Amino acid sequence: MHSKNRASPAKDKPGYVTKINKELCKRCGICVQFCPQGVFTQDEEGYPVVKEQEKCTGCLSCFYYCPDFAVEVKKHEEGKDKKDGGGEK
């Protein structure tokens, strides 16, 4: 019972949150190619899409190789959503 409770939060919340800024992205696909975990795919317009966020290990390859500074990778902070999003609807 205890091991089940410990395992479920890891599945529900990723260790890292990866975002693509489409305003900066030029659809080069470098982040897709250099991600060792296969986190990204590309949509029909060629933009990178975070497909499997839970696979992100925070290696920052996508961040460092992106020539347009369009990738953001942050460590997930538990409870941050409640504090920051509480007043917004």
Protein backbone atom coordinates (compact mmCIF):
# COMPACT_ATOMS: atom_id res chain seq x y z
CA MET A 1 0.00 0.00 0.00
CA HIS A 2 2.74 2.46 0.89
CA SER A 3 4.80 1.74 -2.23
CA LYS A 4 1.73 2.40 -4.39
CA ASN A 5 1.29 5.83 -2.79
CA ARG A 6 4.92 6.71 -3.36
CA ALA A 7 4.85 5.68 -7.02
CA SER A 8 1.69 7.50 -8.11
CA PRO A 9 2.84 11.13 -7.62
CA ALA A 10 5.85 10.51 -9.88
CA LYS A 11 3.51 9.29 -12.61
CA ASP A 12 1.06 12.16 -12.16
CA LYS A 13 3.62 14.99 -12.10
CA PRO A 14 6.75 15.18 -14.25
CA GLY A 15 10.11 15.94 -12.70
CA TYR A 16 10.62 18.63 -15.33
CA VAL A 17 8.32 20.88 -17.31
CA THR A 18 9.33 21.61 -20.91
CA LYS A 19 7.75 24.38 -22.95
CA ILE A 20 8.23 25.59 -26.52
CA ASN A 21 7.79 29.28 -27.33
CA LYS A 22 6.21 29.22 -30.81
CA GLU A 23 6.89 32.93 -31.27
CA LEU A 24 10.64 32.26 -31.13
CA CYS A 25 10.68 28.80 -32.72
CA LYS A 26 11.70 28.54 -36.39
CA ARG A 27 10.76 24.83 -36.64
CA CYS A 28 14.32 23.61 -37.25
CA GLY A 29 13.71 20.33 -35.37
CA ILE A 30 17.02 20.39 -33.51
CA CYS A 31 15.32 19.88 -30.14
CA VAL A 32 13.50 16.84 -31.54
CA GLN A 33 16.71 15.35 -32.93
CA PHE A 34 18.93 15.98 -29.90
CA CYS A 35 16.54 14.85 -27.15
CA PRO A 36 17.99 11.55 -25.92
CA GLN A 37 14.68 10.57 -24.30
CA GLY A 38 12.33 11.18 -27.23
CA VAL A 39 10.25 13.75 -25.38
CA PHE A 40 9.37 15.70 -28.55
CA THR A 41 7.56 15.12 -31.79
CA GLN A 42 6.66 17.61 -34.52
CA ASP A 43 3.16 18.73 -35.47
CA GLU A 44 1.84 19.09 -39.02
CA GLU A 45 3.35 22.59 -39.26
CA GLY A 46 6.77 21.38 -38.10
CA TYR A 47 6.63 22.87 -34.61
CA PRO A 48 8.06 20.72 -31.82
CA VAL A 49 5.46 19.31 -29.44
CA VAL A 50 6.15 17.93 -25.98
CA LYS A 51 4.79 14.43 -26.49
CA GLU A 52 6.06 12.52 -23.46
CA GLN A 53 6.86 15.02 -20.70
CA GLU A 54 7.29 12.28 -18.11
CA LYS A 55 10.39 11.02 -19.98
CA CYS A 56 12.26 14.33 -19.56
CA THR A 57 15.34 13.91 -17.37
CA GLY A 58 16.29 17.58 -17.37
CA CYS A 59 19.48 17.05 -19.39
CA LEU A 60 18.86 20.41 -21.14
CA SER A 61 20.05 19.21 -24.55
CA CYS A 62 17.01 20.79 -26.19
CA PHE A 63 17.64 24.06 -24.35
CA TYR A 64 21.36 24.28 -25.19
CA TYR A 65 21.06 23.24 -28.84
CA CYS A 66 18.10 25.47 -29.69
CA PRO A 67 19.49 28.32 -31.83
CA ASP A 68 16.39 30.46 -31.22
CA PHE A 69 16.15 30.22 -27.40
CA ALA A 70 12.64 28.82 -27.85
CA VAL A 71 12.89 25.95 -25.35
CA GLU A 72 12.35 26.30 -21.62
CA VAL A 73 13.01 23.48 -19.16
CA LYS A 74 12.20 23.94 -15.49
CA LYS A 75 12.22 21.57 -12.58
CA HIS A 76 8.67 20.82 -11.48
CA GLU A 77 7.96 22.33 -8.08
CA GLU A 78 5.26 20.48 -6.21
CA GLY A 79 2.54 22.77 -4.88
CA LYS A 80 3.58 25.67 -7.13
CA ASP A 81 0.40 25.32 -9.23
CA LYS A 82 -1.78 25.87 -6.18
CA LYS A 83 0.13 28.96 -5.05
CA ASP A 84 0.48 30.64 -8.46
CA GLY A 85 -2.82 29.69 -10.05
CA GLY A 86 -5.11 30.10 -7.09
CA GLY A 87 -6.38 33.58 -8.00
CA GLU A 88 -6.45 33.14 -11.79
CA LYS A 89 -9.32 31.64 -13.72
